[in-house]
Amino acid sequence: MTTAKHVILGAGGAITPPLTRELLLNGESVKLVSRKGYEFSGAESSRGDLTIANDVLAAVDPESVVYLLAGLPYNTRVWREQWPKVMQNAVSACENRNARLIFFDNVYTYGRVEGPMREDTPVRPCSHKGEIRARIADLFLSETKKGNLRGIIARSADFYGPYARGSSVPTLLVLERLASGKKPQWLANSKARHSFTYTIDCGKALCLLAKTESAYDQVWHLPTASPPITGEQFIAIAARKFGVDPDFTVLRKWMVRVGGVFDSLVKETYEMIYQSEHDYVFDSAKFEEFFKVTPTPYEKGIEEAIEYLKSGATR
């Protein structure tokens, strides 16, 4: 499938660099759209506010593939106010420009799931943020069902890997703390199994989806290593790579609740702690079987994430 341009709305987060690099390696023309004018060598940079319809319309090229990678401030009030605008603006602009839209989503919409999360898992959010994600996903899917939009929802588990500083719990609590000589931490339950999607795999997978005609108008789980890993296992691998003992501290649920009294970000995290208390199993068999790909193993992914941190790279 040939397109005029690949437009990334909300550029600048953890998935923008690996996706941009993959698209450029494939000879594609890439435009990065963000409020601050995020730049990446070889790509066009453009400023735009995704909550303003005219900004989004101006950013979307005719017949292009558009990726919605926006990361709004982690605040329920902001999400409730801005996410519907962002999604509606992206959908409307793509319909107007006859462009295709790929929405990079998380799993909040499923709520707490007993067993593996799959593409057909029922939508049963159990958090305010999950309810918001469910509403905007429904808006997106309703347009594809009506035939007004060609699009894909690409869901990822919690992610880790290069470029994930500031947006990945295991990077913040384990890898960055080990890199600075501190004892690593884990959230809620270090024995629960938890799937993590590798950032580089996300970039490659989104590029594959964009170029595959038959992939459109579906939900896809991006390739994620299986079986899931426990906190103890993640820390043990990371500690071994750093050459230190795998000693760590668990941040219990009550500690997070108390911390929320003093820190607004911690308070916003509290409603999502169910994802860390219980097994969180993400199934990407559909993608792996269709595209014949194997997700990066945790051992290799953690090693490469550490190498990235040690390099001090920002791209």
C-alpha atoms as a PDB file:
ATOM      1  CA  MET A   1       0.000   0.000   0.000  1.00  0.00           C
ATOM      2  CA  THR A   2       1.517   3.340  -1.072  1.00  0.00           C
ATOM      3  CA  THR A   3       0.683   6.574   0.705  1.00  0.00           C
ATOM      4  CA  ALA A   4       1.731  10.182   0.292  1.00  0.00           C
ATOM      5  CA  LYS A   5       2.867  10.675   3.861  1.00  0.00           C
ATOM      6  CA  HIS A   6       2.826   9.221   7.358  1.00  0.00           C
ATOM      7  CA  VAL A   7       1.644  11.781   9.902  1.00  0.00           C
ATOM      8  CA  ILE A   8       2.260  11.262  13.616  1.00  0.00           C
ATOM      9  CA  LEU A   9      -0.120  13.259  15.796  1.00  0.00           C
ATOM     10  CA  GLY A  10       1.125  13.814  19.333  1.00  0.00           C
ATOM     11  CA  ALA A  11       4.772  13.174  18.464  1.00  0.00           C
ATOM     12  CA  GLY A  12       7.368  13.100  21.207  1.00  0.00           C
ATOM     13  CA  GLY A  13       6.490  10.130  23.406  1.00  0.00           C
ATOM     14  CA  ALA A  14       8.186   6.758  23.776  1.00  0.00           C
ATOM     15  CA  ILE A  15       6.753   5.259  20.579  1.00  0.00           C
ATOM     16  CA  THR A  16       7.488   8.163  18.215  1.00  0.00           C
ATOM     17  CA  PRO A  17      11.243   7.472  17.759  1.00  0.00           C
ATOM     18  CA  PRO A  18      11.021   3.736  16.987  1.00  0.00           C
ATOM     19  CA  LEU A  19       8.030   4.258  14.680  1.00  0.00           C
ATOM     20  CA  THR A  20       9.653   7.196  12.888  1.00  0.00           C
ATOM     21  CA  ARG A  21      12.913   5.320  12.439  1.00  0.00           C
ATOM     22  CA  GLU A  22      11.098   2.279  11.054  1.00  0.00           C
ATOM     23  CA  LEU A  23       9.093   4.368   8.598  1.00  0.00           C
ATOM     24  CA  LEU A  24      12.191   6.223   7.404  1.00  0.00           C
ATOM     25  CA  LEU A  25      14.087   2.945   6.964  1.00  0.00           C
ATOM     26  CA  ASN A  26      11.203   1.865   4.725  1.00  0.00           C
ATOM     27  CA  GLY A  27      11.622   4.977   2.579  1.00  0.00           C
ATOM     28  CA  GLU A  28       8.488   6.717   3.820  1.00  0.00           C
ATOM     29  CA  SER A  29       7.891  10.456   4.193  1.00  0.00           C
ATOM     30  CA  VAL A  30       7.101  11.337   7.820  1.00  0.00           C
ATOM     31  CA  LYS A  31       5.581  14.421   9.425  1.00  0.00           C
ATOM     32  CA  LEU A  32       5.734  14.859  13.210  1.00  0.00           C
ATOM     33  CA  VAL A  33       3.014  17.007  14.774  1.00  0.00           C
ATOM     34  CA  SER A  34       3.216  18.300  18.327  1.00  0.00           C
ATOM     35  CA  ARG A  35       2.665  21.438  20.353  1.00  0.00           C
ATOM     36  CA  LYS A  36       6.391  22.007  20.835  1.00  0.00           C
ATOM     37  CA  GLY A  37       7.577  21.040  17.374  1.00  0.00           C
ATOM     38  CA  TYR A  38       9.259  17.712  18.185  1.00  0.00           C
ATOM     39  CA  GLU A  39      12.110  16.971  15.773  1.00  0.00           C
ATOM     40  CA  PHE A  40      13.675  13.775  14.443  1.00  0.00           C
ATOM     41  CA  SER A  41      16.403  13.661  11.792  1.00  0.00           C
ATOM     42  CA  GLY A  42      14.928  12.904   8.379  1.00  0.00           C
ATOM     43  CA  ALA A  43      11.343  13.784   9.306  1.00  0.00           C
ATOM     44  CA  GLU A  44       9.322  16.971   8.847  1.00  0.00           C
ATOM     45  CA  SER A  45       8.355  18.768  12.051  1.00  0.00           C
ATOM     46  CA  SER A  46       5.110  20.723  12.479  1.00  0.00           C
ATOM     47  CA  ARG A  47       3.436  22.489  15.401  1.00  0.00           C
ATOM     48  CA  GLY A  48      -0.203  21.871  16.217  1.00  0.00           C
ATOM     49  CA  ASP A  49      -2.612  21.552  19.129  1.00  0.00           C
ATOM     50  CA  LEU A  50      -4.659  18.357  18.873  1.00  0.00           C
ATOM     51  CA  THR A  51      -7.534  19.909  20.834  1.00  0.00           C
ATOM     52  CA  ILE A  52      -7.999  22.494  18.049  1.00  0.00           C
ATOM     53  CA  ALA A  53      -9.851  21.089  15.040  1.00  0.00           C
ATOM     54  CA  ASN A  54      -8.283  23.454  12.486  1.00  0.00           C
ATOM     55  CA  ASP A  55      -4.760  22.585  13.693  1.00  0.00           C
ATOM     56  CA  VAL A  56      -5.411  18.883  13.191  1.00  0.00           C
ATOM     57  CA  LEU A  57      -7.050  19.387   9.801  1.00  0.00           C
ATOM     58  CA  ALA A  58      -4.075  21.448   8.644  1.00  0.00           C
ATOM     59  CA  ALA A  59      -1.643  18.774   9.849  1.00  0.00           C
ATOM     60  CA  VAL A  60      -3.253  15.834   8.029  1.00  0.00           C
ATOM     61  CA  ASP A  61      -2.157  15.412   4.423  1.00  0.00           C
ATOM     62  CA  PRO A  62      -4.592  14.006   1.842  1.00  0.00           C
ATOM     63  CA  GLU A  63      -4.446  10.224   1.385  1.00  0.00           C
ATOM     64  CA  SER A  64      -1.968   9.858   4.253  1.00  0.00           C
ATOM     65  CA  VAL A  65      -1.685   7.383   7.120  1.00  0.00           C
ATOM     66  CA  VAL A  66      -2.137   9.115  10.465  1.00  0.00           C
ATOM     67  CA  TYR A  67      -0.967   7.753  13.815  1.00  0.00           C
ATOM     68  CA  LEU A  68      -2.593   9.093  16.971  1.00  0.00           C
ATOM     69  CA  LEU A  69       0.133   8.725  19.623  1.00  0.00           C
ATOM     70  CA  ALA A  70      -0.994  11.517  21.919  1.00  0.00           C
ATOM     71  CA  GLY A  71      -0.072  11.302  25.593  1.00  0.00           C
ATOM     72  CA  LEU A  72      -2.159  13.724  27.646  1.00  0.00           C
ATOM     73  CA  PRO A  73      -1.241  14.736  31.204  1.00  0.00           C
ATOM     74  CA  TYR A  74      -2.065  11.844  33.543  1.00  0.00           C
ATOM     75  CA  ASN A  75      -5.075  13.507  35.077  1.00  0.00           C
ATOM     76  CA  THR A  76      -8.684  12.291  34.897  1.00  0.00           C
ATOM     77  CA  ARG A  77     -10.124  15.811  34.635  1.00  0.00           C
ATOM     78  CA  VAL A  78      -7.811  16.616  31.721  1.00  0.00           C
ATOM     79  CA  TRP A  79      -8.579  13.292  30.038  1.00  0.00           C
ATOM     80  CA  ARG A  80     -12.342  13.809  30.390  1.00  0.00           C
ATOM     81  CA  GLU A  81     -12.101  17.267  28.867  1.00  0.00           C
ATOM     82  CA  GLN A  82      -9.494  16.743  26.159  1.00  0.00           C
ATOM     83  CA  TRP A  83      -9.518  13.122  24.938  1.00  0.00           C
ATOM     84  CA  PRO A  84     -12.951  13.327  23.253  1.00  0.00           C
ATOM     85  CA  LYS A  85     -11.845  16.508  21.469  1.00  0.00           C
ATOM     86  CA  VAL A  86      -8.551  14.968  20.370  1.00  0.00           C
ATOM     87  CA  MET A  87     -10.222  11.837  19.033  1.00  0.00           C
ATOM     88  CA  GLN A  88     -13.050  13.692  17.304  1.00  0.00           C
ATOM     89  CA  ASN A  89     -10.594  16.105  15.695  1.00  0.00           C
ATOM     90  CA  ALA A  90      -8.390  13.255  14.456  1.00  0.00           C
ATOM     91  CA  VAL A  91     -11.340  11.270  13.103  1.00  0.00           C
ATOM     92  CA  SER A  92     -12.909  14.294  11.408  1.00  0.00           C
ATOM     93  CA  ALA A  93      -9.628  15.394   9.826  1.00  0.00           C
ATOM     94  CA  CYS A  94      -8.939  11.908   8.468  1.00  0.00           C
ATOM     95  CA  GLU A  95     -12.451  11.629   7.050  1.00  0.00           C
ATOM     96  CA  ASN A  96     -12.079  15.058   5.452  1.00  0.00           C
ATOM     97  CA  ARG A  97      -8.656  14.244   3.935  1.00  0.00           C
ATOM     98  CA  ASN A  98      -9.478  10.641   3.009  1.00  0.00           C
ATOM     99  CA  ALA A  99      -6.659   9.576   5.309  1.00  0.00           C
ATOM    100  CA  ARG A 100      -6.334   6.420   7.389  1.00  0.00           C
ATOM    101  CA  LEU A 101      -6.078   6.552  11.170  1.00  0.00           C
ATOM    102  CA  ILE A 102      -4.153   4.264  13.527  1.00  0.00           C
ATOM    103  CA  PHE A 103      -4.895   4.826  17.218  1.00  0.00           C
ATOM    104  CA  PHE A 104      -2.200   3.626  19.642  1.00  0.00           C
ATOM    105  CA  ASP A 105      -4.264   2.539  22.634  1.00  0.00           C
ATOM    106  CA  ASN A 106      -3.749   0.889  26.028  1.00  0.00           C
ATOM    107  CA  VAL A 107      -5.791  -1.762  27.869  1.00  0.00           C
ATOM    108  CA  TYR A 108      -7.601   0.451  30.379  1.00  0.00           C
ATOM    109  CA  THR A 109     -10.850  -0.128  28.490  1.00  0.00           C
ATOM    110  CA  TYR A 110     -10.896  -3.829  29.444  1.00  0.00           C
ATOM    111  CA  GLY A 111     -10.801  -3.216  33.192  1.00  0.00           C
ATOM    112  CA  ARG A 112      -9.625  -6.050  35.426  1.00  0.00           C
ATOM    113  CA  VAL A 113      -9.575  -9.281  33.412  1.00  0.00           C
ATOM    114  CA  GLU A 114      -9.416 -12.836  34.720  1.00  0.00           C
ATOM    115  CA  GLY A 115      -7.162 -14.594  32.227  1.00  0.00           C
ATOM    116  CA  PRO A 116      -5.547 -13.290  29.036  1.00  0.00           C
ATOM    117  CA  MET A 117      -6.592 -10.007  27.438  1.00  0.00           C
ATOM    118  CA  ARG A 118      -7.389 -10.536  23.762  1.00  0.00           C
ATOM    119  CA  GLU A 119      -8.814  -8.350  21.009  1.00  0.00           C
ATOM    120  CA  ASP A 120     -12.312  -9.681  21.697  1.00  0.00           C
ATOM    121  CA  THR A 121     -12.122  -9.201  25.483  1.00  0.00           C
ATOM    122  CA  PRO A 122     -15.325  -7.444  26.664  1.00  0.00           C
ATOM    123  CA  VAL A 123     -15.138  -3.728  27.376  1.00  0.00           C
ATOM    124  CA  ARG A 124     -15.665  -3.470  31.137  1.00  0.00           C
ATOM    125  CA  PRO A 125     -13.613  -0.554  32.475  1.00  0.00           C
ATOM    126  CA  CYS A 126     -13.293  -0.327  36.245  1.00  0.00           C
ATOM    127  CA  SER A 127     -11.641   3.111  36.431  1.00  0.00           C
ATOM    128  CA  HIS A 128     -12.471   6.664  35.381  1.00  0.00           C
ATOM    129  CA  LYS A 129      -9.578   6.652  32.915  1.00  0.00           C
ATOM    130  CA  GLY A 130     -10.743   3.323  31.514  1.00  0.00           C
ATOM    131  CA  GLU A 131     -14.246   4.700  30.962  1.00  0.00           C
ATOM    132  CA  ILE A 132     -12.792   7.621  29.006  1.00  0.00           C
ATOM    133  CA  ARG A 133     -10.627   5.330  26.860  1.00  0.00           C
ATOM    134  CA  ALA A 134     -13.655   3.112  26.195  1.00  0.00           C
ATOM    135  CA  ARG A 135     -15.718   6.103  25.015  1.00  0.00           C
ATOM    136  CA  ILE A 136     -13.111   7.372  22.579  1.00  0.00           C
ATOM    137  CA  ALA A 137     -12.442   3.866  21.245  1.00  0.00           C
ATOM    138  CA  ASP A 138     -16.183   3.480  20.666  1.00  0.00           C
ATOM    139  CA  LEU A 139     -16.264   6.784  18.780  1.00  0.00           C
ATOM    140  CA  PHE A 140     -13.401   5.561  16.594  1.00  0.00           C
ATOM    141  CA  LEU A 141     -14.888   2.120  15.922  1.00  0.00           C
ATOM    142  CA  SER A 142     -18.363   3.488  15.205  1.00  0.00           C
ATOM    143  CA  GLU A 143     -16.918   5.524  12.331  1.00  0.00           C
ATOM    144  CA  THR A 144     -15.121   2.508  10.872  1.00  0.00           C
ATOM    145  CA  LYS A 145     -18.325   0.435  11.121  1.00  0.00           C
ATOM    146  CA  LYS A 146     -20.253   3.138   9.273  1.00  0.00           C
ATOM    147  CA  GLY A 147     -17.640   3.076   6.527  1.00  0.00           C
ATOM    148  CA  ASN A 148     -16.681   6.701   7.145  1.00  0.00           C
ATOM    149  CA  LEU A 149     -13.132   5.898   8.238  1.00  0.00           C
ATOM    150  CA  ARG A 150     -10.454   3.312   7.487  1.00  0.00           C
ATOM    151  CA  GLY A 151      -8.663   2.741  10.743  1.00  0.00           C
ATOM    152  CA  ILE A 152      -6.922   0.461  13.219  1.00  0.00           C
ATOM    153  CA  ILE A 153      -6.832   0.377  17.003  1.00  0.00           C
ATOM    154  CA  ALA A 154      -3.411  -0.943  18.003  1.00  0.00           C
ATOM    155  CA  ARG A 155      -3.257  -1.832  21.689  1.00  0.00           C
ATOM    156  CA  SER A 156      -0.140  -2.283  23.750  1.00  0.00           C
ATOM    157  CA  ALA A 157       0.451  -3.613  27.236  1.00  0.00           C
ATOM    158  CA  ASP A 158       2.425  -1.406  29.624  1.00  0.00           C
ATOM    159  CA  PHE A 159       5.663  -0.793  27.779  1.00  0.00           C
ATOM    160  CA  TYR A 160       9.389  -0.696  28.499  1.00  0.00           C
ATOM    161  CA  GLY A 161      12.542  -0.255  26.459  1.00  0.00           C
ATOM    162  CA  PRO A 162      14.492   2.544  24.748  1.00  0.00           C
ATOM    163  CA  TYR A 163      12.805   5.983  24.783  1.00  0.00           C
ATOM    164  CA  ALA A 164      10.475   4.997  27.648  1.00  0.00           C
ATOM    165  CA  ARG A 165      11.943   7.297  30.283  1.00  0.00           C
ATOM    166  CA  GLY A 166       9.130   9.120  32.052  1.00  0.00           C
ATOM    167  CA  SER A 167       6.373   6.887  30.671  1.00  0.00           C
ATOM    168  CA  SER A 168       7.202   3.390  31.899  1.00  0.00           C
ATOM    169  CA  VAL A 169       6.821   2.153  35.477  1.00  0.00           C
ATOM    170  CA  PRO A 170       9.517  -0.570  35.272  1.00  0.00           C
ATOM    171  CA  THR A 171      11.895   1.903  33.652  1.00  0.00           C
ATOM    172  CA  LEU A 172      11.286   4.461  36.401  1.00  0.00           C
ATOM    173  CA  LEU A 173      11.198   2.100  39.391  1.00  0.00           C
ATOM    174  CA  VAL A 174      13.760  -0.478  38.306  1.00  0.00           C
ATOM    175  CA  LEU A 175      16.098   0.481  35.479  1.00  0.00           C
ATOM    176  CA  GLU A 176      16.599   4.159  36.292  1.00  0.00           C
ATOM    177  CA  ARG A 177      17.016   3.450  40.002  1.00  0.00           C
ATOM    178  CA  LEU A 178      19.599   0.737  39.340  1.00  0.00           C
ATOM    179  CA  ALA A 179      21.406   3.044  36.909  1.00  0.00           C
ATOM    180  CA  SER A 180      21.711   5.662  39.669  1.00  0.00           C
ATOM    181  CA  GLY A 181      22.847   3.152  42.292  1.00  0.00           C
ATOM    182  CA  LYS A 182      19.523   2.997  44.136  1.00  0.00           C
ATOM    183  CA  LYS A 183      17.517  -0.011  45.264  1.00  0.00           C
ATOM    184  CA  PRO A 184      14.809  -0.887  42.714  1.00  0.00           C
ATOM    185  CA  GLN A 185      11.129  -0.803  43.593  1.00  0.00           C
ATOM    186  CA  TRP A 186       8.040  -2.636  42.367  1.00  0.00           C
ATOM    187  CA  LEU A 187       4.407  -1.649  42.551  1.00  0.00           C
ATOM    188  CA  ALA A 188       1.884  -3.548  44.726  1.00  0.00           C
ATOM    189  CA  ASN A 189       2.715  -7.208  44.050  1.00  0.00           C
ATOM    190  CA  SER A 190       6.102  -8.454  42.848  1.00  0.00           C
ATOM    191  CA  LYS A 191       4.792 -12.010  42.387  1.00  0.00           C
ATOM    192  CA  ALA A 192       1.952 -11.153  40.000  1.00  0.00           C
ATOM    193  CA  ARG A 193       2.565 -11.927  36.321  1.00  0.00           C
ATOM    194  CA  HIS A 194       2.663  -8.815  34.150  1.00  0.00           C
ATOM    195  CA  SER A 195       3.040  -8.441  30.385  1.00  0.00           C
ATOM    196  CA  PHE A 196       5.194  -5.623  29.030  1.00  0.00           C
ATOM    197  CA  THR A 197       5.450  -4.565  25.376  1.00  0.00           C
ATOM    198  CA  TYR A 198       8.875  -3.578  24.061  1.00  0.00           C
ATOM    199  CA  THR A 199       9.002  -0.080  22.536  1.00  0.00           C
ATOM    200  CA  ILE A 200      11.001  -1.126  19.473  1.00  0.00           C
ATOM    201  CA  ASP A 201       8.487  -3.896  18.751  1.00  0.00           C
ATOM    202  CA  CYS A 202       5.716  -1.262  18.877  1.00  0.00           C
ATOM    203  CA  GLY A 203       7.371   0.850  16.198  1.00  0.00           C
ATOM    204  CA  LYS A 204       7.928  -2.092  13.872  1.00  0.00           C
ATOM    205  CA  ALA A 205       4.430  -3.449  14.430  1.00  0.00           C
ATOM    206  CA  LEU A 206       2.694  -0.131  13.731  1.00  0.00           C
ATOM    207  CA  CYS A 207       4.633   0.168  10.483  1.00  0.00           C
ATOM    208  CA  LEU A 208       3.559  -3.356   9.470  1.00  0.00           C
ATOM    209  CA  LEU A 209      -0.086  -2.621  10.254  1.00  0.00           C
ATOM    210  CA  ALA A 210      -0.035   0.628   8.288  1.00  0.00           C
ATOM    211  CA  LYS A 211       1.221  -1.117   5.164  1.00  0.00           C
ATOM    212  CA  THR A 212      -1.189  -4.063   5.296  1.00  0.00           C
ATOM    213  CA  GLU A 213      -4.504  -3.416   3.566  1.00  0.00           C
ATOM    214  CA  SER A 214      -6.308  -6.333   5.212  1.00  0.00           C
ATOM    215  CA  ALA A 215      -5.308  -5.163   8.713  1.00  0.00           C
ATOM    216  CA  TYR A 216      -7.630  -2.151   8.659  1.00  0.00           C
ATOM    217  CA  ASP A 217     -10.932  -1.788  10.507  1.00  0.00           C
ATOM    218  CA  GLN A 218      -9.796  -4.130  13.269  1.00  0.00           C
ATOM    219  CA  VAL A 219      -8.327  -4.102  16.772  1.00  0.00           C
ATOM    220  CA  TRP A 220      -4.818  -5.543  17.070  1.00  0.00           C
ATOM    221  CA  HIS A 221      -2.697  -6.354  20.115  1.00  0.00           C
ATOM    222  CA  LEU A 222       0.915  -5.443  19.390  1.00  0.00           C
ATOM    223  CA  PRO A 223       3.521  -8.236  19.740  1.00  0.00           C
ATOM    224  CA  THR A 224       4.354  -8.849  23.391  1.00  0.00           C
ATOM    225  CA  ALA A 225       6.593 -11.534  24.901  1.00  0.00           C
ATOM    226  CA  SER A 226       4.949 -14.546  26.505  1.00  0.00           C
ATOM    227  CA  PRO A 227       4.754 -15.885  29.154  1.00  0.00           C
ATOM    228  CA  PRO A 228       4.402 -12.717  31.255  1.00  0.00           C
ATOM    229  CA  ILE A 229       7.129 -11.812  33.708  1.00  0.00           C
ATOM    230  CA  THR A 230       6.837 -11.187  37.442  1.00  0.00           C
ATOM    231  CA  GLY A 231       8.326  -8.191  39.183  1.00  0.00           C
ATOM    232  CA  GLU A 232      10.829 -10.447  40.906  1.00  0.00           C
ATOM    233  CA  GLN A 233      11.930 -11.869  37.557  1.00  0.00           C
ATOM    234  CA  PHE A 234      12.185  -8.441  35.905  1.00  0.00           C
ATOM    235  CA  ILE A 235      14.309  -7.111  38.749  1.00  0.00           C
ATOM    236  CA  ALA A 236      16.498 -10.226  38.828  1.00  0.00           C
ATOM    237  CA  ILE A 237      17.326  -9.873  35.118  1.00  0.00           C
ATOM    238  CA  ALA A 238      18.017  -6.142  35.432  1.00  0.00           C
ATOM    239  CA  ALA A 239      20.127  -6.542  38.580  1.00  0.00           C
ATOM    240  CA  ARG A 240      22.216  -9.230  36.901  1.00  0.00           C
ATOM    241  CA  LYS A 241      22.861  -6.925  33.936  1.00  0.00           C
ATOM    242  CA  PHE A 242      24.021  -4.215  36.345  1.00  0.00           C
ATOM    243  CA  GLY A 243      26.067  -6.698  38.362  1.00  0.00           C
ATOM    244  CA  VAL A 244      24.293  -6.039  41.662  1.00  0.00           C
ATOM    245  CA  ASP A 245      22.161  -8.012  44.111  1.00  0.00           C
ATOM    246  CA  PRO A 246      18.447  -8.219  43.216  1.00  0.00           C
ATOM    247  CA  ASP A 247      17.328  -6.587  46.453  1.00  0.00           C
ATOM    248  CA  PHE A 248      14.187  -4.461  46.090  1.00  0.00           C
ATOM    249  CA  THR A 249      11.305  -2.778  47.882  1.00  0.00           C
ATOM    250  CA  VAL A 250       7.601  -3.285  47.177  1.00  0.00           C
ATOM    251  CA  LEU A 251       5.432  -0.167  47.178  1.00  0.00           C
ATOM    252  CA  ARG A 252       2.271  -1.523  48.783  1.00  0.00           C
ATOM    253  CA  LYS A 253      -1.194  -0.296  47.876  1.00  0.00           C
ATOM    254  CA  TRP A 254      -1.615   1.598  51.145  1.00  0.00           C
ATOM    255  CA  MET A 255       1.707   3.353  50.544  1.00  0.00           C
ATOM    256  CA  VAL A 256       0.490   4.566  47.150  1.00  0.00           C
ATOM    257  CA  ARG A 257      -2.762   5.754  48.704  1.00  0.00           C
ATOM    258  CA  VAL A 258      -0.957   7.707  51.418  1.00  0.00           C
ATOM    259  CA  GLY A 259       1.484   9.102  48.857  1.00  0.00           C
ATOM    260  CA  GLY A 260      -1.446  10.414  46.860  1.00  0.00           C
ATOM    261  CA  VAL A 261      -2.245  12.824  49.662  1.00  0.00           C
ATOM    262  CA  PHE A 262       1.000  14.634  48.905  1.00  0.00           C
ATOM    263  CA  ASP A 263       1.495  14.014  45.189  1.00  0.00           C
ATOM    264  CA  SER A 264      -1.194  14.529  42.525  1.00  0.00           C
ATOM    265  CA  LEU A 265       0.435  12.123  40.036  1.00  0.00           C
ATOM    266  CA  VAL A 266       0.548   9.356  42.653  1.00  0.00           C
ATOM    267  CA  LYS A 267      -3.103  10.076  43.431  1.00  0.00           C
ATOM    268  CA  GLU A 268      -3.998   9.679  39.751  1.00  0.00           C
ATOM    269  CA  THR A 269      -2.120   6.367  39.635  1.00  0.00           C
ATOM    270  CA  TYR A 270      -4.013   4.858  42.562  1.00  0.00           C
ATOM    271  CA  GLU A 271      -7.175   3.898  40.630  1.00  0.00           C
ATOM    272  CA  MET A 272      -5.054   1.864  38.194  1.00  0.00           C
ATOM    273  CA  ILE A 273      -3.196  -0.129  40.848  1.00  0.00           C
ATOM    274  CA  TYR A 274      -5.435  -3.152  40.202  1.00  0.00           C
ATOM    275  CA  GLN A 275      -3.243  -3.739  37.131  1.00  0.00           C
ATOM    276  CA  SER A 276      -0.255  -4.334  39.425  1.00  0.00           C
ATOM    277  CA  GLU A 277      -2.033  -6.173  42.226  1.00  0.00           C
ATOM    278  CA  HIS A 278      -3.272  -9.006  40.021  1.00  0.00           C
ATOM    279  CA  ASP A 279      -2.031 -10.956  37.009  1.00  0.00           C
ATOM    280  CA  TYR A 280      -1.993  -8.784  33.890  1.00  0.00           C
ATOM    281  CA  VAL A 281      -1.727 -11.090  30.882  1.00  0.00           C
ATOM    282  CA  PHE A 282      -1.705  -9.605  27.381  1.00  0.00           C
ATOM    283  CA  ASP A 283      -2.214 -11.961  24.431  1.00  0.00           C
ATOM    284  CA  SER A 284      -0.805 -10.931  21.035  1.00  0.00           C
ATOM    285  CA  ALA A 285      -1.195 -14.301  19.261  1.00  0.00           C
ATOM    286  CA  LYS A 286      -3.394 -12.771  16.540  1.00  0.00           C
ATOM    287  CA  PHE A 287      -0.646 -10.388  15.433  1.00  0.00           C
ATOM    288  CA  GLU A 288       2.184 -12.909  15.812  1.00  0.00           C
ATOM    289  CA  GLU A 289       0.407 -15.549  13.747  1.00  0.00           C
ATOM    290  CA  PHE A 290      -0.797 -13.171  11.023  1.00  0.00           C
ATOM    291  CA  PHE A 291       2.527 -11.374  10.524  1.00  0.00           C
ATOM    292  CA  LYS A 292       4.791 -14.296  11.475  1.00  0.00           C
ATOM    293  CA  VAL A 293       6.752 -12.261  13.996  1.00  0.00           C
ATOM    294  CA  THR A 294       8.261 -13.115  17.374  1.00  0.00           C
ATOM    295  CA  PRO A 295       8.231 -10.476  20.143  1.00  0.00           C
ATOM    296  CA  THR A 296      11.532  -9.479  21.739  1.00  0.00           C
ATOM    297  CA  PRO A 297      12.244 -11.725  24.765  1.00  0.00           C
ATOM    298  CA  TYR A 298      12.392  -9.951  28.132  1.00  0.00           C
ATOM    299  CA  GLU A 299      16.046 -10.854  28.651  1.00  0.00           C
ATOM    300  CA  LYS A 300      17.063  -9.136  25.402  1.00  0.00           C
ATOM    301  CA  GLY A 301      14.647  -6.219  25.819  1.00  0.00           C
ATOM    302  CA  ILE A 302      15.837  -5.400  29.335  1.00  0.00           C
ATOM    303  CA  GLU A 303      19.465  -5.594  28.223  1.00  0.00           C
ATOM    304  CA  GLU A 304      18.848  -3.188  25.334  1.00  0.00           C
ATOM    305  CA  ALA A 305      16.845  -0.835  27.567  1.00  0.00           C
ATOM    306  CA  ILE A 306      19.812  -0.711  29.974  1.00  0.00           C
ATOM    307  CA  GLU A 307      22.246  -0.051  27.137  1.00  0.00           C
ATOM    308  CA  TYR A 308      20.029   2.825  26.012  1.00  0.00           C
ATOM    309  CA  LEU A 309      19.967   4.315  29.517  1.00  0.00           C
ATOM    310  CA  LYS A 310      23.726   4.021  29.896  1.00  0.00           C
ATOM    311  CA  SER A 311      24.298   5.699  26.533  1.00  0.00           C
ATOM    312  CA  GLY A 312      22.452   8.811  27.637  1.00  0.00           C
ATOM    313  CA  ALA A 313      20.704   8.887  24.247  1.00  0.00           C
ATOM    314  CA  THR A 314      17.512  10.850  23.736  1.00  0.00           C
ATOM    315  CA  ARG A 315      16.716   9.574  20.225  1.00  0.00           C
END
